[in-house]
Amino acid sequence: MIEISTKTITRSVLSQTKSVCPDCLARIPAARVQYEDDVYLEKTCPEHGDFRTIIWRGKPAFTSWARPKTPTHPKNPFTSVQQGCPYDCGLCPEHQQQSCCVLLEVTQRCDLHCPVCFADAGNASIKTNLASQDWSMDEINTWYDRLLAAGGPFNIQLSGGEPCVRNDLPEIIRNGRSRGFTFFQLNTNGLRLAHDGNYLAALQEAGLSTVFLQFDGTRDEIYKTIRGRALFEQKMAVIKRCAEMGIGVVLVPTLVPGINTDDIGNILRLALEHMPAVRGVHFQPVSYFGRYPQDPANEARITIPEVIRAIEEQTAGLVPAFALCPPGGENALCSFHGNYVQMPDGSLKALTRHKGEACCSHTPVEAAQGAARSREFVAEHWAVPVQAATDTASQAILSGPSLGEWDVFLERKRTHTFCVSGMAFQDAWTLDLDRLRDCYIHTASPDGRLVPFCAYNLTDRHGHSLYRGNHENQPA
């Protein structure tokens, strides 16, 4: 037991895993350790000492969230197992999940210089590095072919850097569509879309499915802190343009404790006010890789259960937490999701429900099925739906006997579904190799590998990367 203040708290080791040392990225044993309702990842590097990092604070209980998952290995791995996880990513044959969404980082150029950046985009020190250059069209087309060979088509996220600095982005989408890829998500800060309607129209004509819009809050002081400048007006301009053109938008806040975690409710209310163009909100608790100002303390982290509680508390129950559930395809500790229908009076009816341990203790999730379902769900619900008034099935519902509110619910379910989700990316302090092997968000590397997102962006406390801009295997 340990003493915290004047209270004795029991330490309980829940399970064992492996992680890496934040100082040298060597693979080391780790344990998930519980102190009352909080869970930490504890590990010791023989050379650099002990590390203890919060990974779960409060309820819903850690033990109620986890559920079994039957692994499914990649159909056609690109790399072999030589040094073991996390050094053989490519994907290797021991990875336990197939791809759901693949990021194509089509550029490392950016029109912002954010203090918090997964990709360290725009860093002058890496200008000569292969990973910092724009991919050529031939390289992108080769990647499309490789993804088909890997078992695709998968959902594609066009990312960077800021992908909208490329004038040929519509052609990139058209080329992917011609090869059979059907869902294209644009990960963007929105600056170009806010003022260049012709560019957005060209993207739509090429087959863009949805805009994954960086959206950190409803106050300019938030953007000044996280992004370096006032941006709220531009963000709202993007939402307006997309609504006018019938393009779906998902708002993507990076949550930084003490900066914008008090704005979670405001973000959700704003999103609901701009439905059905805004399809949902996807929260991303800050992770410490890429570029960040200092070593992270536990107080600088917000965990999945804290986000879930804040969603309900800050919306006064409008967005109920009971509907927020563990993921269906990836590791349960990586994310949450909840689906709702917005009724005409502004209230939400939940389509999902977290039932605690009972909901997941008897039926393991089959990984490949989970990835496929996730791909289908995102493609269906993150794009603006076809309006019910022009839909044959919808007309049939309206022409039948009236079922009162049930009729309204069925109509709204077709046009006004609202998705709330979040993903807790791992850094060198929180990396859990069990979670990493379950990852289904993968990044296409310039050297031909398909790398789990958290491994690709992983850096040690000195800024050295395991994969990004480093195309040789690291020593175990």
Protein backbone atom coordinates (compact mmCIF):
# COMPACT_ATOMS: atom_id res chain seq x y z
CA MET A 1 0.00 0.00 0.00
CA ILE A 2 1.02 3.64 -0.43
CA GLU A 3 0.28 6.79 1.50
CA ILE A 4 -1.25 9.66 -0.47
CA SER A 5 -1.86 12.68 1.77
CA THR A 6 -3.24 11.14 4.99
CA LYS A 7 -5.21 8.40 3.24
CA THR A 8 -4.03 4.84 2.70
CA ILE A 9 -4.76 3.61 -0.84
CA THR A 10 -4.44 0.01 -1.93
CA ARG A 11 -2.23 -0.77 -4.92
CA SER A 12 -3.55 -3.58 -7.11
CA VAL A 13 -1.75 -4.96 -10.16
CA LEU A 14 -4.47 -5.64 -12.75
CA SER A 15 -2.41 -7.10 -15.58
CA GLN A 16 1.01 -7.20 -17.22
CA THR A 17 2.05 -5.89 -20.61
CA LYS A 18 5.13 -4.41 -22.31
CA SER A 19 5.94 -0.83 -23.16
CA VAL A 20 8.97 1.30 -24.06
CA CYS A 21 11.28 3.55 -22.10
CA PRO A 22 10.44 7.23 -22.78
CA ASP A 23 14.14 8.02 -22.69
CA CYS A 24 15.58 5.39 -25.07
CA LEU A 25 12.52 3.59 -26.56
CA ALA A 26 13.87 0.21 -25.42
CA ARG A 27 11.16 -2.41 -24.90
CA ILE A 28 10.55 -3.00 -21.18
CA PRO A 29 7.98 -4.82 -18.99
CA ALA A 30 5.02 -2.78 -17.74
CA ALA A 31 1.98 -3.27 -15.53
CA ARG A 32 -1.49 -1.77 -15.36
CA VAL A 33 -1.84 -0.85 -11.68
CA GLN A 34 -4.99 0.35 -9.94
CA TYR A 35 -5.23 2.78 -7.02
CA GLU A 36 -8.93 3.02 -6.09
CA ASP A 37 -10.66 4.17 -9.32
CA ASP A 38 -7.48 5.30 -11.08
CA VAL A 39 -5.18 3.13 -13.20
CA TYR A 40 -1.54 3.83 -14.04
CA LEU A 41 0.96 2.28 -16.42
CA GLU A 42 4.05 1.52 -14.36
CA LYS A 43 7.39 0.46 -15.85
CA THR A 44 11.10 0.48 -15.10
CA CYS A 45 14.00 0.89 -17.50
CA PRO A 46 17.25 -0.63 -16.11
CA GLU A 47 19.15 2.40 -17.41
CA HIS A 48 16.70 5.31 -17.00
CA GLY A 49 14.60 4.41 -13.99
CA ASP A 50 10.92 4.28 -13.06
CA PHE A 51 7.91 5.75 -14.90
CA ARG A 52 4.33 5.92 -13.61
CA THR A 53 1.73 7.48 -15.91
CA ILE A 54 -2.02 7.85 -15.48
CA ILE A 55 -4.08 6.02 -18.13
CA TRP A 56 -7.56 5.93 -16.51
CA ARG A 57 -9.21 8.28 -13.98
CA GLY A 58 -12.47 7.37 -12.30
CA LYS A 59 -15.69 5.94 -13.67
CA PRO A 60 -16.76 4.21 -15.80
CA ALA A 61 -14.59 1.60 -14.12
CA PHE A 62 -11.53 0.37 -15.97
CA THR A 63 -12.64 -3.24 -15.46
CA SER A 64 -16.10 -2.54 -16.92
CA TRP A 65 -14.63 -1.11 -20.10
CA ALA A 66 -12.34 -3.89 -21.30
CA ARG A 67 -13.74 -6.77 -23.33
CA PRO A 68 -12.26 -9.79 -25.11
CA LYS A 69 -11.36 -9.58 -28.78
CA THR A 70 -10.47 -12.38 -31.16
CA PRO A 71 -7.40 -11.22 -33.13
CA THR A 72 -7.27 -11.22 -36.91
CA HIS A 73 -3.85 -10.84 -38.50
CA PRO A 74 -3.12 -8.79 -41.64
CA LYS A 75 -4.02 -10.60 -44.86
CA ASN A 76 -0.74 -9.71 -46.56
CA PRO A 77 1.91 -8.42 -44.11
CA PHE A 78 4.55 -6.15 -45.62
CA THR A 79 7.27 -6.87 -43.03
CA SER A 80 8.56 -9.91 -41.15
CA VAL A 81 9.03 -10.43 -37.42
CA GLN A 82 12.68 -9.86 -36.54
CA GLN A 83 13.00 -7.75 -33.40
CA GLY A 84 9.44 -7.91 -32.11
CA CYS A 85 6.85 -5.22 -31.34
CA PRO A 86 7.14 -2.23 -31.75
CA TYR A 87 10.16 -2.50 -34.05
CA ASP A 88 8.79 -4.55 -36.98
CA CYS A 89 5.76 -2.47 -37.98
CA GLY A 90 4.87 -2.70 -41.59
CA LEU A 91 2.35 -4.41 -40.78
CA CYS A 92 4.04 -7.54 -39.45
CA PRO A 93 2.34 -10.97 -39.17
CA GLU A 94 1.94 -10.60 -35.39
CA HIS A 95 -0.24 -7.51 -35.63
CA GLN A 96 -3.71 -8.40 -34.37
CA GLN A 97 -5.97 -6.14 -36.42
CA GLN A 98 -6.56 -5.31 -40.06
CA SER A 99 -6.81 -1.74 -41.33
CA CYS A 100 -9.91 0.37 -40.88
CA CYS A 101 -8.59 3.81 -41.85
CA VAL A 102 -5.26 4.51 -43.56
CA LEU A 103 -3.63 7.93 -43.39
CA LEU A 104 -1.88 9.20 -46.49
CA GLU A 105 0.35 12.08 -45.41
CA VAL A 106 0.47 13.69 -48.82
CA THR A 107 2.61 16.60 -47.60
CA GLN A 108 4.61 17.76 -44.60
CA ARG A 109 4.10 21.42 -45.51
CA CYS A 110 1.67 23.38 -43.34
CA ASP A 111 0.22 26.88 -43.16
CA LEU A 112 0.23 26.80 -39.34
CA HIS A 113 3.00 26.21 -36.82
CA CYS A 114 1.12 24.73 -33.86
CA PRO A 115 2.84 24.11 -30.51
CA VAL A 116 0.98 20.76 -30.46
CA CYS A 117 1.49 18.76 -33.68
CA PHE A 118 1.49 14.99 -34.22
CA ALA A 119 3.48 15.31 -37.44
CA ASP A 120 5.87 18.08 -36.33
CA ALA A 121 4.76 19.70 -39.59
CA GLY A 122 6.63 22.70 -40.90
CA ASN A 123 9.72 22.02 -38.80
CA ALA A 124 12.62 23.60 -40.66
CA SER A 125 15.08 21.09 -39.18
CA ILE A 126 13.57 18.23 -41.19
CA LYS A 127 13.18 20.01 -44.51
CA THR A 128 15.70 17.72 -46.21
CA ASN A 129 14.17 14.54 -44.79
CA LEU A 130 12.18 12.28 -47.11
CA ALA A 131 9.17 12.38 -44.79
CA SER A 132 8.98 16.18 -45.07
CA GLN A 133 8.52 16.26 -48.84
CA ASP A 134 5.31 16.14 -50.83
CA TRP A 135 4.53 12.70 -52.18
CA SER A 136 4.44 12.58 -55.97
CA MET A 137 1.30 11.41 -57.73
CA ASP A 138 3.09 8.23 -58.80
CA GLU A 139 3.99 7.48 -55.16
CA ILE A 140 0.40 8.05 -54.05
CA ASN A 141 -0.95 5.80 -56.81
CA THR A 142 1.57 3.13 -55.82
CA TRP A 143 0.23 3.35 -52.27
CA TYR A 144 -3.33 2.87 -53.49
CA ASP A 145 -2.19 -0.32 -55.20
CA ARG A 146 -0.33 -1.49 -52.10
CA LEU A 147 -3.42 -0.96 -49.94
CA LEU A 148 -5.49 -3.06 -52.30
CA ALA A 149 -2.83 -5.77 -52.04
CA ALA A 150 -2.99 -5.47 -48.24
CA GLY A 151 -6.70 -6.29 -48.23
CA GLY A 152 -8.32 -2.99 -49.12
CA PRO A 153 -10.03 -0.85 -50.13
CA PHE A 154 -9.93 0.85 -46.73
CA ASN A 155 -11.20 4.25 -45.66
CA ILE A 156 -8.64 6.90 -46.63
CA GLN A 157 -7.71 9.94 -44.57
CA LEU A 158 -5.80 12.58 -46.51
CA SER A 159 -3.48 14.14 -43.99
CA GLY A 160 -0.16 15.90 -43.56
CA GLY A 161 1.05 18.52 -42.69
CA GLU A 162 -1.88 20.41 -44.12
CA PRO A 163 -3.12 18.53 -47.21
CA CYS A 164 -4.93 21.58 -48.59
CA VAL A 165 -1.62 23.25 -49.44
CA ARG A 166 -1.59 20.87 -52.43
CA ASN A 167 -3.45 22.16 -55.46
CA ASP A 168 -3.76 18.64 -56.90
CA LEU A 169 -5.70 17.16 -53.96
CA PRO A 170 -8.84 16.68 -56.12
CA GLU A 171 -6.78 14.59 -58.55
CA ILE A 172 -5.49 12.49 -55.66
CA ILE A 173 -9.09 11.73 -54.67
CA ARG A 174 -10.13 10.96 -58.25
CA ASN A 175 -7.23 8.55 -58.69
CA GLY A 176 -8.21 6.73 -55.50
CA ARG A 177 -11.85 6.57 -56.54
CA SER A 178 -10.85 5.09 -59.88
CA ARG A 179 -9.07 2.27 -58.03
CA GLY A 180 -12.11 1.40 -55.91
CA PHE A 181 -11.60 3.45 -52.74
CA THR A 182 -14.99 4.87 -51.75
CA PHE A 183 -14.46 6.97 -48.61
CA PHE A 184 -12.13 9.99 -48.44
CA GLN A 185 -11.81 11.99 -45.25
CA LEU A 186 -9.88 15.28 -45.32
CA ASN A 187 -7.93 15.99 -42.13
CA THR A 188 -7.53 19.77 -42.24
CA ASN A 189 -7.13 22.95 -40.23
CA GLY A 190 -9.64 24.48 -42.66
CA LEU A 191 -7.76 27.69 -43.46
CA ARG A 192 -7.90 27.26 -47.23
CA LEU A 193 -11.46 25.90 -47.20
CA ALA A 194 -12.63 28.98 -45.28
CA HIS A 195 -11.77 31.35 -48.13
CA ASP A 196 -11.49 29.20 -51.27
CA GLY A 197 -14.94 27.94 -52.23
CA ASN A 198 -13.76 26.85 -55.67
CA TYR A 199 -11.18 24.54 -54.11
CA LEU A 200 -13.80 22.97 -51.83
CA ALA A 201 -16.14 22.53 -54.81
CA ALA A 202 -13.36 20.77 -56.73
CA LEU A 203 -12.79 18.42 -53.80
CA GLN A 204 -16.50 17.64 -53.63
CA GLU A 205 -16.70 16.99 -57.36
CA ALA A 206 -13.71 14.65 -57.11
CA GLY A 207 -15.46 12.57 -54.46
CA LEU A 208 -14.57 13.96 -51.02
CA SER A 209 -16.73 12.26 -48.39
CA THR A 210 -16.24 14.37 -45.26
CA VAL A 211 -14.14 17.11 -43.70
CA PHE A 212 -12.34 16.10 -40.50
CA LEU A 213 -11.98 19.65 -39.15
CA GLN A 214 -9.47 20.61 -36.48
CA PHE A 215 -11.75 22.39 -34.00
CA ASP A 216 -10.28 22.97 -30.55
CA GLY A 217 -12.96 25.18 -29.02
CA THR A 218 -15.41 28.05 -29.21
CA ARG A 219 -13.05 30.81 -27.96
CA ASP A 220 -10.18 32.44 -29.79
CA GLU A 221 -7.93 32.32 -26.71
CA ILE A 222 -7.98 28.52 -27.05
CA TYR A 223 -6.70 28.72 -30.63
CA LYS A 224 -4.08 31.29 -29.71
CA THR A 225 -2.68 28.89 -27.11
CA ILE A 226 -2.90 25.61 -29.02
CA ARG A 227 -2.50 26.81 -32.63
CA GLY A 228 -0.67 30.10 -32.21
CA ARG A 229 -3.36 32.42 -33.61
CA ALA A 230 -7.08 33.28 -33.51
CA LEU A 231 -8.94 30.87 -35.80
CA PHE A 232 -12.54 30.58 -34.60
CA GLU A 233 -13.95 32.76 -37.39
CA GLN A 234 -12.26 30.62 -40.04
CA LYS A 235 -13.54 27.41 -38.44
CA MET A 236 -17.12 28.67 -38.55
CA ALA A 237 -16.67 29.74 -42.17
CA VAL A 238 -15.68 26.17 -43.08
CA ILE A 239 -18.80 24.77 -41.38
CA LYS A 240 -20.99 27.27 -43.25
CA ARG A 241 -19.43 26.49 -46.64
CA CYS A 242 -19.72 22.73 -46.10
CA ALA A 243 -23.37 23.10 -45.05
CA GLU A 244 -24.15 25.08 -48.18
CA MET A 245 -22.48 22.48 -50.39
CA GLY A 246 -23.79 19.37 -48.63
CA ILE A 247 -20.42 18.15 -47.33
CA GLY A 248 -20.31 16.42 -43.96
CA VAL A 249 -18.10 17.85 -41.20
CA VAL A 250 -16.72 16.13 -38.09
CA LEU A 251 -15.29 18.50 -35.47
CA VAL A 252 -11.97 17.28 -34.02
CA PRO A 253 -10.86 18.94 -30.77
CA THR A 254 -7.45 18.20 -29.29
CA LEU A 255 -8.15 18.31 -25.54
CA VAL A 256 -5.44 19.94 -23.42
CA PRO A 257 -6.07 20.13 -19.64
CA GLY A 258 -6.35 23.69 -18.41
CA ILE A 259 -6.75 25.05 -21.95
CA ASN A 260 -10.00 23.77 -23.46
CA THR A 261 -11.28 20.90 -21.33
CA ASP A 262 -13.88 23.30 -19.88
CA ASP A 263 -15.21 23.92 -23.40
CA ILE A 264 -16.31 20.35 -24.19
CA GLY A 265 -19.99 21.12 -23.65
CA ASN A 266 -19.84 24.29 -25.75
CA ILE A 267 -18.25 22.39 -28.63
CA LEU A 268 -21.01 19.77 -28.53
CA ARG A 269 -23.78 22.35 -28.38
CA LEU A 270 -22.28 24.24 -31.31
CA ALA A 271 -22.05 20.98 -33.28
CA LEU A 272 -25.70 20.17 -32.58
CA GLU A 273 -26.75 23.66 -33.67
CA HIS A 274 -25.15 23.05 -37.07
CA MET A 275 -26.61 19.64 -37.81
CA PRO A 276 -27.06 17.88 -40.15
CA ALA A 277 -23.96 19.33 -41.85
CA VAL A 278 -21.94 18.63 -38.68
CA ARG A 279 -22.08 14.88 -38.29
CA GLY A 280 -20.40 14.62 -34.91
CA VAL A 281 -17.48 15.44 -32.64
CA HIS A 282 -14.34 13.32 -32.33
CA PHE A 283 -12.32 14.22 -29.21
CA GLN A 284 -8.57 13.58 -29.08
CA PRO A 285 -6.98 13.86 -25.60
CA VAL A 286 -3.54 15.38 -26.03
CA SER A 287 -0.65 12.94 -26.45
CA TYR A 288 2.96 13.91 -26.09
CA PHE A 289 4.74 13.12 -29.31
CA GLY A 290 5.58 15.22 -32.32
CA ARG A 291 6.04 18.75 -30.97
CA TYR A 292 5.21 19.78 -27.40
CA PRO A 293 6.69 22.37 -25.04
CA GLN A 294 7.83 20.21 -22.09
CA ASP A 295 7.82 16.73 -20.55
CA PRO A 296 4.26 15.79 -19.58
CA ALA A 297 3.07 15.48 -15.99
CA ASN A 298 0.07 13.36 -15.04
CA GLU A 299 -1.84 16.60 -14.44
CA ALA A 300 -1.29 17.43 -18.13
CA ARG A 301 -3.33 14.43 -19.24
CA ILE A 302 -7.06 13.82 -19.61
CA THR A 303 -8.23 10.21 -19.85
CA ILE A 304 -11.19 8.56 -21.58
CA PRO A 305 -13.45 8.35 -18.49
CA GLU A 306 -12.82 12.02 -17.69
CA VAL A 307 -13.90 13.01 -21.20
CA ILE A 308 -17.00 10.83 -20.92
CA ARG A 309 -18.02 12.41 -17.62
CA ALA A 310 -17.33 15.93 -18.91
CA ILE A 311 -19.53 15.32 -21.95
CA GLU A 312 -22.54 14.60 -19.76
CA GLU A 313 -21.80 17.17 -17.07
CA GLN A 314 -21.02 20.07 -19.41
CA THR A 315 -24.12 19.43 -21.54
CA ALA A 316 -26.33 19.05 -18.43
CA GLY A 317 -27.27 15.57 -19.58
CA LEU A 318 -28.20 16.55 -23.14
CA VAL A 319 -25.51 14.13 -24.36
CA PRO A 320 -25.89 11.23 -21.90
CA ALA A 321 -22.79 9.29 -20.92
CA PHE A 322 -24.57 5.92 -20.71
CA ALA A 323 -24.61 5.82 -24.52
CA LEU A 324 -20.80 6.09 -24.79
CA CYS A 325 -19.33 2.63 -25.32
CA PRO A 326 -16.02 0.84 -25.89
CA PRO A 327 -14.97 0.43 -29.53
CA GLY A 328 -16.09 -2.50 -31.61
CA GLY A 329 -12.86 -3.29 -33.45
CA GLU A 330 -9.79 -1.86 -31.77
CA ASN A 331 -8.52 -2.21 -28.21
CA ALA A 332 -11.11 -1.09 -25.66
CA LEU A 333 -8.63 1.25 -23.96
CA CYS A 334 -8.09 3.25 -27.15
CA SER A 335 -11.43 4.93 -27.71
CA PHE A 336 -15.14 5.42 -27.09
CA HIS A 337 -18.16 6.13 -29.26
CA GLY A 338 -21.85 6.94 -28.92
CA ASN A 339 -24.57 7.49 -31.49
CA TYR A 340 -27.67 9.63 -31.09
CA VAL A 341 -30.66 10.90 -33.05
CA GLN A 342 -31.47 14.60 -32.72
CA MET A 343 -35.23 15.13 -32.43
CA PRO A 344 -37.06 18.27 -33.67
CA ASP A 345 -37.10 19.77 -30.15
CA GLY A 346 -33.30 19.47 -29.91
CA SER A 347 -33.30 16.48 -27.55
CA LEU A 348 -31.18 13.42 -28.28
CA LYS A 349 -32.31 9.79 -28.32
CA ALA A 350 -29.45 7.35 -27.76
CA LEU A 351 -28.85 4.54 -30.25
CA THR A 352 -26.07 2.96 -28.18
CA ARG A 353 -25.69 1.99 -24.54
CA HIS A 354 -22.77 0.89 -22.38
CA LYS A 355 -24.00 -1.98 -20.23
CA GLY A 356 -20.82 -2.49 -18.22
CA GLU A 357 -19.20 -5.87 -17.86
CA ALA A 358 -22.36 -7.73 -18.88
CA CYS A 359 -22.29 -6.28 -22.37
CA CYS A 360 -18.93 -7.74 -23.25
CA SER A 361 -18.08 -10.61 -20.91
CA HIS A 362 -19.47 -13.44 -23.03
CA THR A 363 -19.11 -12.46 -26.67
CA PRO A 364 -15.58 -11.73 -27.91
CA VAL A 365 -15.35 -9.16 -30.70
CA GLU A 366 -13.89 -10.60 -33.91
CA ALA A 367 -11.24 -8.09 -34.96
CA ALA A 368 -11.73 -8.20 -38.73
CA GLN A 369 -15.50 -7.86 -38.35
CA GLY A 370 -14.97 -4.92 -35.98
CA ALA A 371 -12.70 -3.14 -38.45
CA ALA A 372 -15.15 -3.75 -41.29
CA ARG A 373 -18.08 -2.47 -39.24
CA SER A 374 -16.12 0.63 -38.26
CA ARG A 375 -15.27 1.36 -41.90
CA GLU A 376 -18.91 1.00 -42.89
CA PHE A 377 -20.21 3.08 -39.98
CA VAL A 378 -17.85 5.99 -40.61
CA ALA A 379 -18.61 5.97 -44.34
CA GLU A 380 -22.34 6.01 -43.67
CA HIS A 381 -22.59 8.45 -40.77
CA TRP A 382 -19.75 10.97 -41.29
CA ALA A 383 -21.04 12.12 -44.66
CA VAL A 384 -24.18 14.25 -45.06
CA PRO A 385 -27.11 11.86 -45.59
CA VAL A 386 -29.45 11.90 -48.55
CA GLN A 387 -32.44 13.99 -47.53
CA ALA A 388 -35.43 11.92 -46.54
CA ALA A 389 -37.84 13.89 -48.72
CA THR A 390 -36.19 12.48 -51.83
CA ASP A 391 -35.66 8.97 -50.50
CA THR A 392 -37.98 6.17 -51.65
CA ALA A 393 -37.87 4.21 -48.39
CA SER A 394 -38.51 7.39 -46.41
CA GLN A 395 -41.55 8.22 -48.56
CA ALA A 396 -42.91 4.75 -47.82
CA ILE A 397 -42.62 5.39 -44.10
CA LEU A 398 -44.43 8.71 -44.36
CA SER A 399 -47.23 7.27 -46.50
CA GLY A 400 -48.03 4.43 -44.07
CA PRO A 401 -50.17 4.52 -40.93
CA SER A 402 -49.01 7.16 -38.45
CA LEU A 403 -47.00 5.90 -35.50
CA GLY A 404 -46.63 9.31 -33.90
CA GLU A 405 -43.21 10.05 -32.50
CA TRP A 406 -41.89 6.76 -33.89
CA ASP A 407 -42.44 8.11 -37.42
CA VAL A 408 -40.49 11.21 -36.51
CA PHE A 409 -37.72 9.13 -34.96
CA LEU A 410 -37.36 6.96 -38.08
CA GLU A 411 -37.18 10.05 -40.27
CA ARG A 412 -34.62 11.76 -38.05
CA LYS A 413 -32.58 8.56 -37.84
CA ARG A 414 -32.05 8.85 -41.57
CA THR A 415 -31.04 12.52 -41.55
CA HIS A 416 -30.07 13.63 -38.04
CA THR A 417 -27.79 11.00 -36.51
CA PHE A 418 -25.07 12.54 -34.36
CA CYS A 419 -21.85 10.74 -33.43
CA VAL A 420 -19.73 11.48 -30.36
CA SER A 421 -16.40 9.68 -30.15
CA GLY A 422 -12.89 10.00 -28.84
CA MET A 423 -9.51 8.39 -29.33
CA ALA A 424 -6.69 8.32 -26.77
CA PHE A 425 -3.47 8.09 -28.75
CA GLN A 426 -0.43 6.62 -27.00
CA ASP A 427 2.94 8.27 -26.50
CA ALA A 428 6.23 6.96 -25.08
CA TRP A 429 4.91 7.26 -21.51
CA THR A 430 1.57 5.51 -22.11
CA LEU A 431 2.47 3.06 -24.90
CA ASP A 432 0.99 -0.38 -24.21
CA LEU A 433 2.09 -2.98 -26.75
CA ASP A 434 -1.12 -4.98 -26.29
CA ARG A 435 -3.03 -1.91 -27.41
CA LEU A 436 -0.59 -1.20 -30.23
CA ARG A 437 -1.02 -4.68 -31.72
CA ASP A 438 -4.79 -4.07 -31.81
CA CYS A 439 -4.51 -0.76 -33.69
CA TYR A 440 -6.56 -0.32 -36.89
CA ILE A 441 -5.63 3.30 -37.66
CA HIS A 442 -2.53 2.99 -39.85
CA THR A 443 -0.19 5.43 -41.55
CA ALA A 444 1.36 4.82 -44.95
CA SER A 445 5.08 5.42 -44.57
CA PRO A 446 7.24 6.81 -47.42
CA ASP A 447 9.41 3.66 -47.27
CA GLY A 448 6.48 1.35 -48.05
CA ARG A 449 5.45 0.28 -44.56
CA LEU A 450 1.95 0.39 -43.10
CA VAL A 451 2.52 1.53 -39.51
CA PRO A 452 0.06 1.86 -36.59
CA PHE A 453 -0.59 5.54 -35.96
CA CYS A 454 0.86 5.65 -32.44
CA ALA A 455 4.02 3.80 -33.47
CA TYR A 456 4.51 6.03 -36.49
CA ASN A 457 4.32 9.22 -34.42
CA LEU A 458 6.16 7.88 -31.37
CA THR A 459 9.09 9.97 -30.15
CA ASP A 460 11.30 9.69 -27.10
CA ARG A 461 11.62 12.57 -24.63
CA HIS A 462 14.44 13.98 -26.78
CA GLY A 463 12.30 14.13 -29.92
CA HIS A 464 13.84 11.11 -31.69
CA SER A 465 11.33 9.12 -33.74
CA LEU A 466 10.99 5.38 -34.12
CA TYR A 467 9.42 5.55 -37.60
CA ARG A 468 8.63 9.07 -38.79
CA GLY A 469 11.60 10.16 -40.88
CA ASN A 470 13.58 7.13 -39.69
CA HIS A 471 13.48 4.25 -42.15
CA GLU A 472 15.77 1.75 -40.44
CA ASN A 473 14.72 -0.73 -37.77
CA GLN A 474 15.57 0.30 -34.25
CA PRO A 475 17.60 -1.94 -31.93
CA ALA A 476 15.59 -3.94 -29.38
